Amino acid sequence: MSRPDRASAGGVAKAGRDRTARVRGLIHRLAYYGILVATALVMTLPLLWMVSTSLKADQHVLTMPPQFFPRPLVIDSYARLLELFPIARMFCNSLFVATVTMLGQLLTSSMAAYAFARMRFRGSNGVFLFYLATLMIPFQVTITPLFILMRFFGWIDTYQGLILPGIFSAFGTFLMRQYFLSIPRELEEAAFMDGASHWTVYWRIVLPLARPALGTLAVFAFMQSWNAFLWPLFIVRHPEMMTLPVGLATLHGRWLTQWNLVMAGSVITVIPMIVVFILAQRHFVRGIVLSGLKG
């Protein structure tokens, strides 16, 4: 075979290999995205079923076989929930408590994290490890002394009792400290040379650079406070102070439960968490990635 023929045959073989590689790559991508779509559908199916049940009439909630698409589609469950239940007041209570708790955690956790990450003092590592060890103590163990303390202060059935125990977070301090350690010290040293104090460095330099970690902690803190059930159940007595998780628990009857009303209340409960996550998604993902770069 002459040299041009061998070159032509080699070019055909190379083109065939490239085409095969592209086909394999396309198949791998399709399989990858197929798995992701299937996983997403499995994870969102309970949420879709919750919305579907909330839009069903009473006689169609427990029909067999189950109806995924309501026929007819009604919104009576939401109207009855608003009429029979102080859902608006409970929603405002949950929103206020979760927002203030989130802001409090952002402030206290970032301040403590800055002290542990940048201010060296004797025993700082030991204090941090001791503080971090509180994560291993279940909340059920501390709820009784915490309730006694709240009763001593007269904060039973008050917003103070609902909010103040939740604004301190060992996990939030750990998350923020890990992020602060990844910030170059040269920025702070330059500020100190210009006469800045620790508070100035913390407020004007470190916090603006820590927006991804703050967004991550904000999502965690808001979701934790919004979904809290045990502590509001202990501290709240009157319906006017109830949060949504505690209020929704009263919808379950002893002998009969109207599941369309329960699902309607659950949909109302889930919407704010979805909105918060969507708004902070970019900072959330970046904060999770960057906060684990340095030990």
C-alpha atoms as a PDB file:
ATOM      1  CA  MET A   1       0.000   0.000   0.000  1.00  0.00           C
ATOM      2  CA  SER A   2       1.379   3.367  -0.975  1.00  0.00           C
ATOM      3  CA  ARG A   3       2.002   6.149   1.489  1.00  0.00           C
ATOM      4  CA  PRO A   4      -1.035   8.275   0.426  1.00  0.00           C
ATOM      5  CA  ASP A   5      -3.263   5.212   0.767  1.00  0.00           C
ATOM      6  CA  ARG A   6      -1.900   4.499   4.236  1.00  0.00           C
ATOM      7  CA  ALA A   7      -2.441   8.148   5.231  1.00  0.00           C
ATOM      8  CA  SER A   8      -5.979   8.033   3.896  1.00  0.00           C
ATOM      9  CA  ALA A   9      -6.698   4.785   5.752  1.00  0.00           C
ATOM     10  CA  GLY A  10      -5.231   6.260   8.946  1.00  0.00           C
ATOM     11  CA  GLY A  11      -7.407   9.351   8.593  1.00  0.00           C
ATOM     12  CA  VAL A  12     -10.519   7.217   8.135  1.00  0.00           C
ATOM     13  CA  ALA A  13      -9.609   5.125  11.170  1.00  0.00           C
ATOM     14  CA  LYS A  14      -8.978   8.238  13.282  1.00  0.00           C
ATOM     15  CA  ALA A  15     -12.291   9.743  12.163  1.00  0.00           C
ATOM     16  CA  GLY A  16     -14.034   6.501  13.095  1.00  0.00           C
ATOM     17  CA  ARG A  17     -12.415   6.506  16.543  1.00  0.00           C
ATOM     18  CA  ASP A  18     -13.389  10.151  17.088  1.00  0.00           C
ATOM     19  CA  ARG A  19     -16.961   9.396  16.050  1.00  0.00           C
ATOM     20  CA  THR A  20     -17.081   6.418  18.413  1.00  0.00           C
ATOM     21  CA  ALA A  21     -15.690   8.553  21.257  1.00  0.00           C
ATOM     22  CA  ARG A  22     -18.307  11.241  20.632  1.00  0.00           C
ATOM     23  CA  VAL A  23     -21.096   8.651  20.604  1.00  0.00           C
ATOM     24  CA  ARG A  24     -19.828   7.146  23.853  1.00  0.00           C
ATOM     25  CA  GLY A  25     -19.565  10.579  25.416  1.00  0.00           C
ATOM     26  CA  LEU A  26     -23.111  11.391  24.328  1.00  0.00           C
ATOM     27  CA  ILE A  27     -24.383   8.109  25.762  1.00  0.00           C
ATOM     28  CA  HIS A  28     -22.602   8.782  29.067  1.00  0.00           C
ATOM     29  CA  ARG A  29     -24.061  12.286  29.296  1.00  0.00           C
ATOM     30  CA  LEU A  30     -27.549  11.040  28.502  1.00  0.00           C
ATOM     31  CA  ALA A  31     -27.233   8.325  31.140  1.00  0.00           C
ATOM     32  CA  TYR A  32     -25.887  10.863  33.667  1.00  0.00           C
ATOM     33  CA  TYR A  33     -28.679  13.353  33.062  1.00  0.00           C
ATOM     34  CA  GLY A  34     -31.221  10.534  33.016  1.00  0.00           C
ATOM     35  CA  ILE A  35     -30.117   9.456  36.496  1.00  0.00           C
ATOM     36  CA  LEU A  36     -30.278  13.062  37.719  1.00  0.00           C
ATOM     37  CA  VAL A  37     -33.783  13.552  36.304  1.00  0.00           C
ATOM     38  CA  ALA A  38     -34.999  10.258  37.800  1.00  0.00           C
ATOM     39  CA  THR A  39     -33.530  11.167  41.198  1.00  0.00           C
ATOM     40  CA  ALA A  40     -35.108  14.623  41.066  1.00  0.00           C
ATOM     41  CA  LEU A  41     -38.492  13.116  40.241  1.00  0.00           C
ATOM     42  CA  VAL A  42     -38.256  10.665  43.130  1.00  0.00           C
ATOM     43  CA  MET A  43     -37.332  13.462  45.552  1.00  0.00           C
ATOM     44  CA  THR A  44     -40.030  15.862  44.350  1.00  0.00           C
ATOM     45  CA  LEU A  45     -42.796  13.234  44.184  1.00  0.00           C
ATOM     46  CA  PRO A  46     -43.817  13.656  47.870  1.00  0.00           C
ATOM     47  CA  LEU A  47     -44.000  17.424  47.403  1.00  0.00           C
ATOM     48  CA  LEU A  48     -46.121  17.058  44.273  1.00  0.00           C
ATOM     49  CA  TRP A  49     -48.388  14.553  46.048  1.00  0.00           C
ATOM     50  CA  MET A  50     -48.790  17.018  48.937  1.00  0.00           C
ATOM     51  CA  VAL A  51     -49.887  19.761  46.541  1.00  0.00           C
ATOM     52  CA  SER A  52     -52.192  17.332  44.735  1.00  0.00           C
ATOM     53  CA  THR A  53     -53.882  16.226  47.958  1.00  0.00           C
ATOM     54  CA  SER A  54     -54.400  19.822  49.068  1.00  0.00           C
ATOM     55  CA  LEU A  55     -56.367  20.479  45.863  1.00  0.00           C
ATOM     56  CA  LYS A  56     -58.741  17.511  46.246  1.00  0.00           C
ATOM     57  CA  ALA A  57     -62.293  17.523  47.538  1.00  0.00           C
ATOM     58  CA  ASP A  58     -63.025  15.626  50.765  1.00  0.00           C
ATOM     59  CA  GLN A  59     -64.587  12.619  49.034  1.00  0.00           C
ATOM     60  CA  HIS A  60     -61.600  12.137  46.713  1.00  0.00           C
ATOM     61  CA  VAL A  61     -58.754  12.247  49.240  1.00  0.00           C
ATOM     62  CA  LEU A  62     -58.750   8.525  50.079  1.00  0.00           C
ATOM     63  CA  THR A  63     -60.175   7.103  46.867  1.00  0.00           C
ATOM     64  CA  MET A  64     -58.720   3.887  45.447  1.00  0.00           C
ATOM     65  CA  PRO A  65     -56.841   3.827  43.196  1.00  0.00           C
ATOM     66  CA  PRO A  66     -55.250   7.122  44.258  1.00  0.00           C
ATOM     67  CA  GLN A  67     -55.662  10.099  41.938  1.00  0.00           C
ATOM     68  CA  PHE A  68     -52.456  12.001  41.322  1.00  0.00           C
ATOM     69  CA  PHE A  69     -54.242  14.653  39.253  1.00  0.00           C
ATOM     70  CA  PRO A  70     -57.280  15.955  41.203  1.00  0.00           C
ATOM     71  CA  ARG A  71     -60.611  15.710  39.439  1.00  0.00           C
ATOM     72  CA  PRO A  72     -62.170  18.153  40.104  1.00  0.00           C
ATOM     73  CA  LEU A  73     -59.446  20.586  41.151  1.00  0.00           C
ATOM     74  CA  VAL A  74     -60.678  22.718  44.066  1.00  0.00           C
ATOM     75  CA  ILE A  75     -59.129  25.178  46.511  1.00  0.00           C
ATOM     76  CA  ASP A  76     -61.721  24.701  49.247  1.00  0.00           C
ATOM     77  CA  SER A  77     -59.075  23.287  51.596  1.00  0.00           C
ATOM     78  CA  TYR A  78     -57.174  26.576  51.673  1.00  0.00           C
ATOM     79  CA  ALA A  79     -60.359  28.617  52.161  1.00  0.00           C
ATOM     80  CA  ARG A  80     -61.570  26.395  55.015  1.00  0.00           C
ATOM     81  CA  LEU A  81     -58.116  26.447  56.596  1.00  0.00           C
ATOM     82  CA  LEU A  82     -58.144  30.242  56.676  1.00  0.00           C
ATOM     83  CA  GLU A  83     -61.673  30.319  58.087  1.00  0.00           C
ATOM     84  CA  LEU A  84     -61.365  27.632  60.784  1.00  0.00           C
ATOM     85  CA  PHE A  85     -57.755  28.124  61.790  1.00  0.00           C
ATOM     86  CA  PRO A  86     -55.631  31.218  62.693  1.00  0.00           C
ATOM     87  CA  ILE A  87     -53.167  30.192  60.009  1.00  0.00           C
ATOM     88  CA  ALA A  88     -52.292  33.805  59.115  1.00  0.00           C
ATOM     89  CA  ARG A  89     -51.270  34.612  62.721  1.00  0.00           C
ATOM     90  CA  MET A  90     -49.255  31.398  62.985  1.00  0.00           C
ATOM     91  CA  PHE A  91     -47.566  32.132  59.665  1.00  0.00           C
ATOM     92  CA  CYS A  92     -46.575  35.604  60.882  1.00  0.00           C
ATOM     93  CA  ASN A  93     -45.319  34.130  64.171  1.00  0.00           C
ATOM     94  CA  SER A  94     -43.161  31.592  62.340  1.00  0.00           C
ATOM     95  CA  LEU A  95     -41.855  34.211  59.907  1.00  0.00           C
ATOM     96  CA  PHE A  96     -40.972  36.656  62.681  1.00  0.00           C
ATOM     97  CA  VAL A  97     -39.336  34.049  64.910  1.00  0.00           C
ATOM     98  CA  ALA A  98     -37.374  32.450  62.045  1.00  0.00           C
ATOM     99  CA  THR A  99     -36.180  35.813  60.680  1.00  0.00           C
ATOM    100  CA  VAL A 100     -35.023  37.186  64.030  1.00  0.00           C
ATOM    101  CA  THR A 101     -33.403  33.875  64.954  1.00  0.00           C
ATOM    102  CA  MET A 102     -31.581  33.803  61.618  1.00  0.00           C
ATOM    103  CA  LEU A 103     -30.276  37.356  62.041  1.00  0.00           C
ATOM    104  CA  GLY A 104     -29.220  36.601  65.608  1.00  0.00           C
ATOM    105  CA  GLN A 105     -27.314  33.502  64.531  1.00  0.00           C
ATOM    106  CA  LEU A 106     -25.566  35.414  61.758  1.00  0.00           C
ATOM    107  CA  LEU A 107     -24.385  38.025  64.252  1.00  0.00           C
ATOM    108  CA  THR A 108     -23.388  35.812  67.185  1.00  0.00           C
ATOM    109  CA  SER A 109     -21.851  33.028  65.097  1.00  0.00           C
ATOM    110  CA  SER A 110     -19.805  35.390  62.935  1.00  0.00           C
ATOM    111  CA  MET A 111     -18.510  37.314  65.954  1.00  0.00           C
ATOM    112  CA  ALA A 112     -17.540  34.135  67.800  1.00  0.00           C
ATOM    113  CA  ALA A 113     -16.009  32.680  64.645  1.00  0.00           C
ATOM    114  CA  TYR A 114     -13.883  35.793  64.108  1.00  0.00           C
ATOM    115  CA  ALA A 115     -12.608  35.573  67.668  1.00  0.00           C
ATOM    116  CA  PHE A 116     -11.676  31.903  67.282  1.00  0.00           C
ATOM    117  CA  ALA A 117     -10.141  32.370  63.823  1.00  0.00           C
ATOM    118  CA  ARG A 118      -8.216  35.642  64.238  1.00  0.00           C
ATOM    119  CA  MET A 119      -7.807  36.556  67.926  1.00  0.00           C
ATOM    120  CA  ARG A 120      -5.177  34.377  69.586  1.00  0.00           C
ATOM    121  CA  PHE A 121      -5.444  33.883  73.340  1.00  0.00           C
ATOM    122  CA  ARG A 122      -4.411  31.190  75.786  1.00  0.00           C
ATOM    123  CA  GLY A 123      -6.626  28.140  75.528  1.00  0.00           C
ATOM    124  CA  SER A 124      -8.484  29.343  72.430  1.00  0.00           C
ATOM    125  CA  ASN A 125      -8.303  25.942  70.722  1.00  0.00           C
ATOM    126  CA  GLY A 126      -9.502  24.179  73.857  1.00  0.00           C
ATOM    127  CA  VAL A 127     -12.412  26.584  74.273  1.00  0.00           C
ATOM    128  CA  PHE A 128     -13.363  26.115  70.639  1.00  0.00           C
ATOM    129  CA  LEU A 129     -13.271  22.316  70.928  1.00  0.00           C
ATOM    130  CA  PHE A 130     -15.322  22.472  74.131  1.00  0.00           C
ATOM    131  CA  TYR A 131     -17.845  24.749  72.407  1.00  0.00           C
ATOM    132  CA  LEU A 132     -17.933  22.436  69.399  1.00  0.00           C
ATOM    133  CA  ALA A 133     -18.496  19.410  71.646  1.00  0.00           C
ATOM    134  CA  THR A 134     -21.934  20.774  72.560  1.00  0.00           C
ATOM    135  CA  LEU A 135     -23.094  19.584  69.132  1.00  0.00           C
ATOM    136  CA  MET A 136     -23.003  16.037  70.496  1.00  0.00           C
ATOM    137  CA  ILE A 137     -25.523  16.834  73.249  1.00  0.00           C
ATOM    138  CA  PRO A 138     -29.103  16.102  72.110  1.00  0.00           C
ATOM    139  CA  PHE A 139     -31.545  18.967  72.499  1.00  0.00           C
ATOM    140  CA  GLN A 140     -33.864  16.676  74.457  1.00  0.00           C
ATOM    141  CA  VAL A 141     -31.258  16.604  77.245  1.00  0.00           C
ATOM    142  CA  THR A 142     -31.102  20.382  77.648  1.00  0.00           C
ATOM    143  CA  ILE A 143     -34.755  21.215  77.078  1.00  0.00           C
ATOM    144  CA  THR A 144     -35.775  20.770  80.738  1.00  0.00           C
ATOM    145  CA  PRO A 145     -33.140  23.091  82.288  1.00  0.00           C
ATOM    146  CA  LEU A 146     -33.718  25.525  79.433  1.00  0.00           C
ATOM    147  CA  PHE A 147     -37.447  25.545  80.174  1.00  0.00           C
ATOM    148  CA  ILE A 148     -36.753  26.152  83.886  1.00  0.00           C
ATOM    149  CA  LEU A 149     -34.501  29.070  82.938  1.00  0.00           C
ATOM    150  CA  MET A 150     -37.162  30.564  80.686  1.00  0.00           C
ATOM    151  CA  ARG A 151     -39.738  30.234  83.458  1.00  0.00           C
ATOM    152  CA  PHE A 152     -37.354  31.955  85.884  1.00  0.00           C
ATOM    153  CA  PHE A 153     -37.105  34.931  83.520  1.00  0.00           C
ATOM    154  CA  GLY A 154     -40.864  34.931  82.937  1.00  0.00           C
ATOM    155  CA  TRP A 155     -40.485  34.239  79.221  1.00  0.00           C
ATOM    156  CA  ILE A 156     -43.007  31.419  78.922  1.00  0.00           C
ATOM    157  CA  ASP A 157     -45.411  32.078  76.029  1.00  0.00           C
ATOM    158  CA  THR A 158     -43.372  35.045  74.759  1.00  0.00           C
ATOM    159  CA  TYR A 159     -41.336  35.833  71.677  1.00  0.00           C
ATOM    160  CA  GLN A 160     -38.215  36.115  73.825  1.00  0.00           C
ATOM    161  CA  GLY A 161     -38.632  32.516  74.934  1.00  0.00           C
ATOM    162  CA  LEU A 162     -39.125  31.377  71.351  1.00  0.00           C
ATOM    163  CA  ILE A 163     -36.199  33.303  69.877  1.00  0.00           C
ATOM    164  CA  LEU A 164     -33.315  33.741  72.331  1.00  0.00           C
ATOM    165  CA  PRO A 165     -32.389  30.066  72.868  1.00  0.00           C
ATOM    166  CA  GLY A 166     -31.992  29.647  69.107  1.00  0.00           C
ATOM    167  CA  ILE A 167     -29.744  32.588  68.253  1.00  0.00           C
ATOM    168  CA  PHE A 168     -26.581  30.810  69.465  1.00  0.00           C
ATOM    169  CA  SER A 169     -25.263  28.018  67.269  1.00  0.00           C
ATOM    170  CA  ALA A 170     -22.087  25.941  67.635  1.00  0.00           C
ATOM    171  CA  PHE A 171     -22.524  24.679  64.090  1.00  0.00           C
ATOM    172  CA  GLY A 172     -22.826  28.222  62.765  1.00  0.00           C
ATOM    173  CA  THR A 173     -19.671  29.230  64.617  1.00  0.00           C
ATOM    174  CA  PHE A 174     -17.798  26.255  63.164  1.00  0.00           C
ATOM    175  CA  LEU A 175     -19.014  27.018  59.630  1.00  0.00           C
ATOM    176  CA  MET A 176     -18.053  30.686  59.810  1.00  0.00           C
ATOM    177  CA  ARG A 177     -14.676  29.951  61.417  1.00  0.00           C
ATOM    178  CA  GLN A 178     -13.770  27.566  58.609  1.00  0.00           C
ATOM    179  CA  TYR A 179     -14.553  30.264  56.073  1.00  0.00           C
ATOM    180  CA  PHE A 180     -12.694  32.995  57.964  1.00  0.00           C
ATOM    181  CA  LEU A 181      -9.574  30.820  57.971  1.00  0.00           C
ATOM    182  CA  SER A 182      -9.592  30.844  54.165  1.00  0.00           C
ATOM    183  CA  ILE A 183      -9.490  34.671  54.007  1.00  0.00           C
ATOM    184  CA  PRO A 184      -5.923  35.980  53.501  1.00  0.00           C
ATOM    185  CA  ARG A 185      -4.483  37.560  56.635  1.00  0.00           C
ATOM    186  CA  GLU A 186      -2.683  40.199  54.551  1.00  0.00           C
ATOM    187  CA  LEU A 187      -5.958  42.102  54.159  1.00  0.00           C
ATOM    188  CA  GLU A 188      -6.384  42.388  57.912  1.00  0.00           C
ATOM    189  CA  GLU A 189      -2.720  43.213  58.546  1.00  0.00           C
ATOM    190  CA  ALA A 190      -2.935  46.092  56.081  1.00  0.00           C
ATOM    191  CA  ALA A 191      -6.011  47.392  57.889  1.00  0.00           C
ATOM    192  CA  PHE A 192      -4.280  47.122  61.287  1.00  0.00           C
ATOM    193  CA  MET A 193      -1.325  49.098  59.933  1.00  0.00           C
ATOM    194  CA  ASP A 194      -3.784  51.854  58.991  1.00  0.00           C
ATOM    195  CA  GLY A 195      -5.037  51.963  62.580  1.00  0.00           C
ATOM    196  CA  ALA A 196      -8.162  49.797  62.251  1.00  0.00           C
ATOM    197  CA  SER A 197      -9.478  47.919  65.265  1.00  0.00           C
ATOM    198  CA  HIS A 198     -10.685  44.329  65.377  1.00  0.00           C
ATOM    199  CA  TRP A 199     -14.284  45.541  65.153  1.00  0.00           C
ATOM    200  CA  THR A 200     -13.512  47.597  62.037  1.00  0.00           C
ATOM    201  CA  VAL A 201     -11.733  44.675  60.404  1.00  0.00           C
ATOM    202  CA  TYR A 202     -14.583  42.315  61.310  1.00  0.00           C
ATOM    203  CA  TRP A 203     -17.378  44.629  60.141  1.00  0.00           C
ATOM    204  CA  ARG A 204     -15.849  46.263  57.064  1.00  0.00           C
ATOM    205  CA  ILE A 205     -13.435  43.638  55.699  1.00  0.00           C
ATOM    206  CA  VAL A 206     -14.212  40.131  56.897  1.00  0.00           C
ATOM    207  CA  LEU A 207     -18.003  40.160  56.787  1.00  0.00           C
ATOM    208  CA  PRO A 208     -18.275  41.528  53.208  1.00  0.00           C
ATOM    209  CA  LEU A 209     -15.872  38.813  52.062  1.00  0.00           C
ATOM    210  CA  ALA A 210     -17.867  36.132  53.899  1.00  0.00           C
ATOM    211  CA  ARG A 211     -21.172  36.584  52.068  1.00  0.00           C
ATOM    212  CA  PRO A 212     -21.235  32.987  50.720  1.00  0.00           C
ATOM    213  CA  ALA A 213     -20.799  31.562  54.223  1.00  0.00           C
ATOM    214  CA  LEU A 214     -23.355  34.015  55.624  1.00  0.00           C
ATOM    215  CA  GLY A 215     -25.838  32.960  52.941  1.00  0.00           C
ATOM    216  CA  THR A 216     -25.273  29.300  53.783  1.00  0.00           C
ATOM    217  CA  LEU A 217     -25.739  29.877  57.493  1.00  0.00           C
ATOM    218  CA  ALA A 218     -28.831  32.010  56.832  1.00  0.00           C
ATOM    219  CA  VAL A 219     -30.491  29.144  54.967  1.00  0.00           C
ATOM    220  CA  PHE A 220     -29.635  26.620  57.677  1.00  0.00           C
ATOM    221  CA  ALA A 221     -30.725  28.913  60.513  1.00  0.00           C
ATOM    222  CA  PHE A 222     -33.999  29.907  58.849  1.00  0.00           C
ATOM    223  CA  MET A 223     -34.937  26.315  58.027  1.00  0.00           C
ATOM    224  CA  GLN A 224     -34.041  25.080  61.502  1.00  0.00           C
ATOM    225  CA  SER A 225     -36.125  27.752  63.213  1.00  0.00           C
ATOM    226  CA  TRP A 226     -39.009  27.479  60.739  1.00  0.00           C
ATOM    227  CA  ASN A 227     -39.272  23.705  61.204  1.00  0.00           C
ATOM    228  CA  ALA A 228     -38.762  23.736  64.974  1.00  0.00           C
ATOM    229  CA  PHE A 229     -41.488  21.811  66.754  1.00  0.00           C
ATOM    230  CA  LEU A 230     -40.358  20.527  70.162  1.00  0.00           C
ATOM    231  CA  TRP A 231     -39.238  23.801  71.729  1.00  0.00           C
ATOM    232  CA  PRO A 232     -42.281  25.868  70.581  1.00  0.00           C
ATOM    233  CA  LEU A 233     -44.488  23.025  71.833  1.00  0.00           C
ATOM    234  CA  PHE A 234     -42.934  23.385  75.301  1.00  0.00           C
ATOM    235  CA  ILE A 235     -42.736  27.170  75.532  1.00  0.00           C
ATOM    236  CA  VAL A 236     -46.052  28.226  73.932  1.00  0.00           C
ATOM    237  CA  ARG A 237     -49.457  27.932  75.579  1.00  0.00           C
ATOM    238  CA  HIS A 238     -51.901  30.158  73.694  1.00  0.00           C
ATOM    239  CA  PRO A 239     -52.879  29.740  70.023  1.00  0.00           C
ATOM    240  CA  GLU A 240     -51.940  33.385  69.344  1.00  0.00           C
ATOM    241  CA  MET A 241     -48.270  32.530  69.986  1.00  0.00           C
ATOM    242  CA  MET A 242     -48.155  29.190  68.153  1.00  0.00           C
ATOM    243  CA  THR A 243     -45.902  28.693  65.167  1.00  0.00           C
ATOM    244  CA  LEU A 244     -46.955  26.775  62.071  1.00  0.00           C
ATOM    245  CA  PRO A 245     -45.457  23.338  62.946  1.00  0.00           C
ATOM    246  CA  VAL A 246     -47.218  23.331  66.318  1.00  0.00           C
ATOM    247  CA  GLY A 247     -50.452  24.647  64.827  1.00  0.00           C
ATOM    248  CA  LEU A 248     -50.472  22.050  62.054  1.00  0.00           C
ATOM    249  CA  ALA A 249     -50.137  19.292  64.646  1.00  0.00           C
ATOM    250  CA  THR A 250     -53.547  20.292  66.014  1.00  0.00           C
ATOM    251  CA  LEU A 251     -55.132  19.512  62.628  1.00  0.00           C
ATOM    252  CA  HIS A 252     -54.678  15.804  63.269  1.00  0.00           C
ATOM    253  CA  GLY A 253     -57.892  14.531  64.812  1.00  0.00           C
ATOM    254  CA  ARG A 254     -58.080  11.701  67.311  1.00  0.00           C
ATOM    255  CA  TRP A 255     -60.362   9.566  65.171  1.00  0.00           C
ATOM    256  CA  LEU A 256     -60.464  11.300  61.810  1.00  0.00           C
ATOM    257  CA  THR A 257     -57.959  13.538  60.027  1.00  0.00           C
ATOM    258  CA  GLN A 258     -58.886  15.736  57.081  1.00  0.00           C
ATOM    259  CA  TRP A 259     -55.757  15.181  55.048  1.00  0.00           C
ATOM    260  CA  ASN A 260     -56.549  17.798  52.441  1.00  0.00           C
ATOM    261  CA  LEU A 261     -56.521  20.452  55.185  1.00  0.00           C
ATOM    262  CA  VAL A 262     -53.269  19.074  56.600  1.00  0.00           C
ATOM    263  CA  MET A 263     -51.651  19.078  53.168  1.00  0.00           C
ATOM    264  CA  ALA A 264     -52.873  22.625  52.497  1.00  0.00           C
ATOM    265  CA  GLY A 265     -51.224  23.770  55.716  1.00  0.00           C
ATOM    266  CA  SER A 266     -48.058  21.877  54.775  1.00  0.00           C
ATOM    267  CA  VAL A 267     -47.935  23.617  51.391  1.00  0.00           C
ATOM    268  CA  ILE A 268     -48.189  26.997  53.126  1.00  0.00           C
ATOM    269  CA  THR A 269     -45.388  25.926  55.463  1.00  0.00           C
ATOM    270  CA  VAL A 270     -43.047  24.783  52.687  1.00  0.00           C
ATOM    271  CA  ILE A 271     -43.356  27.840  50.414  1.00  0.00           C
ATOM    272  CA  PRO A 272     -41.160  30.231  52.496  1.00  0.00           C
ATOM    273  CA  MET A 273     -38.348  27.657  52.746  1.00  0.00           C
ATOM    274  CA  ILE A 274     -38.353  27.187  48.978  1.00  0.00           C
ATOM    275  CA  VAL A 275     -38.244  30.949  48.448  1.00  0.00           C
ATOM    276  CA  VAL A 276     -35.345  31.376  50.899  1.00  0.00           C
ATOM    277  CA  PHE A 277     -33.348  28.578  49.305  1.00  0.00           C
ATOM    278  CA  ILE A 278     -33.892  29.930  45.786  1.00  0.00           C
ATOM    279  CA  LEU A 279     -32.803  33.434  46.810  1.00  0.00           C
ATOM    280  CA  ALA A 280     -29.674  32.179  48.598  1.00  0.00           C
ATOM    281  CA  GLN A 281     -28.860  29.226  46.337  1.00  0.00           C
ATOM    282  CA  ARG A 282     -25.744  30.759  44.771  1.00  0.00           C
ATOM    283  CA  HIS A 283     -24.263  31.778  48.129  1.00  0.00           C
ATOM    284  CA  PHE A 284     -25.374  28.483  49.680  1.00  0.00           C
ATOM    285  CA  VAL A 285     -23.494  26.278  47.210  1.00  0.00           C
ATOM    286  CA  ARG A 286     -20.392  28.484  47.208  1.00  0.00           C
ATOM    287  CA  GLY A 287     -20.347  28.680  51.001  1.00  0.00           C
ATOM    288  CA  ILE A 288     -20.574  24.896  51.391  1.00  0.00           C
ATOM    289  CA  VAL A 289     -17.662  24.426  48.988  1.00  0.00           C
ATOM    290  CA  LEU A 290     -15.353  27.130  50.323  1.00  0.00           C
ATOM    291  CA  SER A 291     -15.955  26.607  54.037  1.00  0.00           C
ATOM    292  CA  GLY A 292     -14.297  23.184  53.865  1.00  0.00           C
ATOM    293  CA  LEU A 293     -11.096  24.235  52.111  1.00  0.00           C
ATOM    294  CA  LYS A 294      -9.063  24.733  55.228  1.00  0.00           C
ATOM    295  CA  GLY A 295      -9.077  22.861  58.486  1.00  0.00           C
END
